[in-house]
Amino acid sequence: MILVRQEIGDVLRDFRLQKGRTLRQVASKASVALGYLSEVERGQKEASSEILASVAEALETPISVIMREVGDRLAVIEGIDRFPDTVPDELVAKFDASMMVR
């Protein structure tokens, strides 16, 4: 069984290590308890979107980049060889139309 929380934790740890930051530094900057962030990184706890956003900001990495990496890793685990790197035109048009209504 694929655990999304495990992949999220692995990606957060990888980004933290790439940035040369300690768990303590990121937890402090994100205003998250050190033990909790450690559990998130180990895939033992599911982080809320607010926590993920705070950690992403502390890592100076857009949340979209983090989530894209998670998605890419999940696709590999699921055996998906090819998936689009761009949004299909019909979805872009639908989004543009919905933004005009607002």
Protein backbone atom coordinates (compact mmCIF):
# COMPACT_ATOMS: atom_id res chain seq x y z
CA MET A 1 0.00 0.00 0.00
CA ILE A 2 1.27 3.45 -0.93
CA LEU A 3 1.34 5.92 1.95
CA VAL A 4 1.23 9.49 0.70
CA ARG A 5 2.38 10.75 4.09
CA GLN A 6 5.57 8.67 3.71
CA GLU A 7 6.35 10.23 0.33
CA ILE A 8 5.62 13.73 1.65
CA GLY A 9 7.96 13.12 4.56
CA ASP A 10 10.70 11.78 2.31
CA VAL A 11 10.41 14.77 -0.01
CA LEU A 12 10.47 17.26 2.87
CA ARG A 13 13.57 15.58 4.31
CA ASP A 14 15.28 15.54 0.90
CA PHE A 15 14.60 19.25 0.34
CA ARG A 16 15.77 20.06 3.88
CA LEU A 17 19.01 18.15 3.38
CA GLN A 18 19.57 19.71 -0.06
CA LYS A 19 19.29 23.13 1.60
CA GLY A 20 21.76 22.08 4.29
CA ARG A 21 19.30 22.78 7.10
CA THR A 22 18.85 20.90 10.33
CA LEU A 23 15.51 19.62 11.51
CA ARG A 24 15.73 22.09 14.40
CA GLN A 25 16.31 25.05 12.06
CA VAL A 26 13.35 24.21 9.84
CA ALA A 27 11.05 23.46 12.76
CA SER A 28 11.94 26.75 14.40
CA LYS A 29 11.49 28.83 11.26
CA ALA A 30 8.19 27.06 10.45
CA SER A 31 6.95 27.40 14.08
CA VAL A 32 6.41 23.63 14.24
CA ALA A 33 7.40 21.40 17.15
CA LEU A 34 10.67 19.63 16.43
CA GLY A 35 9.28 16.22 17.40
CA TYR A 36 6.21 16.70 15.23
CA LEU A 37 8.26 17.68 12.17
CA SER A 38 10.47 14.67 12.76
CA GLU A 39 7.40 12.42 12.77
CA VAL A 40 6.14 14.05 9.56
CA GLU A 41 9.48 13.45 7.87
CA ARG A 42 9.42 9.80 8.95
CA GLY A 43 5.89 9.39 7.60
CA GLN A 44 4.43 8.73 11.02
CA LYS A 45 2.18 11.80 11.10
CA GLU A 46 0.08 13.48 8.44
CA ALA A 47 0.74 17.19 8.21
CA SER A 48 -2.07 19.65 7.59
CA SER A 49 -1.91 21.94 4.58
CA GLU A 50 -1.04 24.79 6.96
CA ILE A 51 1.93 22.87 8.38
CA LEU A 52 3.09 21.90 4.88
CA ALA A 53 2.87 25.54 3.79
CA SER A 54 4.88 26.69 6.82
CA VAL A 55 7.56 24.06 6.25
CA ALA A 56 7.74 24.90 2.53
CA GLU A 57 8.18 28.57 3.41
CA ALA A 58 10.88 27.68 5.94
CA LEU A 59 12.62 25.70 3.20
CA GLU A 60 12.20 28.62 0.78
CA THR A 61 10.62 26.20 -1.67
CA PRO A 62 7.19 26.67 -3.27
CA ILE A 63 4.64 24.17 -2.00
CA SER A 64 3.84 23.39 -5.65
CA VAL A 65 7.42 22.20 -6.18
CA ILE A 66 7.21 19.97 -3.12
CA MET A 67 3.87 18.52 -4.14
CA ARG A 68 5.04 18.02 -7.73
CA GLU A 69 7.96 15.97 -6.45
CA VAL A 70 5.60 13.93 -4.27
CA GLY A 71 3.36 13.33 -7.30
CA ASP A 72 6.29 12.30 -9.46
CA ARG A 73 7.47 9.81 -6.85
CA LEU A 74 3.98 8.37 -6.44
CA ALA A 75 3.72 7.95 -10.21
CA VAL A 76 6.94 5.95 -10.25
CA ILE A 77 5.70 3.73 -7.41
CA GLU A 78 2.41 3.21 -9.27
CA GLY A 79 4.30 2.27 -12.41
CA ILE A 80 3.10 5.19 -14.47
CA ASP A 81 5.73 5.75 -17.11
CA ARG A 82 4.27 8.77 -18.80
CA PHE A 83 2.10 11.51 -17.53
CA PRO A 84 1.68 15.04 -18.87
CA ASP A 85 4.06 17.78 -17.78
CA THR A 86 1.56 20.39 -18.85
CA VAL A 87 -2.07 21.09 -18.16
CA PRO A 88 -4.32 20.00 -21.05
CA ASP A 89 -5.68 22.91 -23.12
CA GLU A 90 -9.30 22.08 -22.25
CA LEU A 91 -8.55 22.43 -18.53
CA VAL A 92 -6.75 25.73 -19.07
CA ALA A 93 -9.75 27.05 -21.00
CA LYS A 94 -12.12 25.84 -18.29
CA PHE A 95 -10.01 27.53 -15.60
CA ASP A 96 -9.78 30.77 -17.59
CA ALA A 97 -13.56 30.77 -18.07
CA SER A 98 -14.18 30.21 -14.36
CA MET A 99 -11.85 33.11 -13.46
CA MET A 100 -13.80 35.48 -15.72
CA VAL A 101 -17.02 34.72 -13.83
CA ARG A 102 -15.55 35.99 -10.56
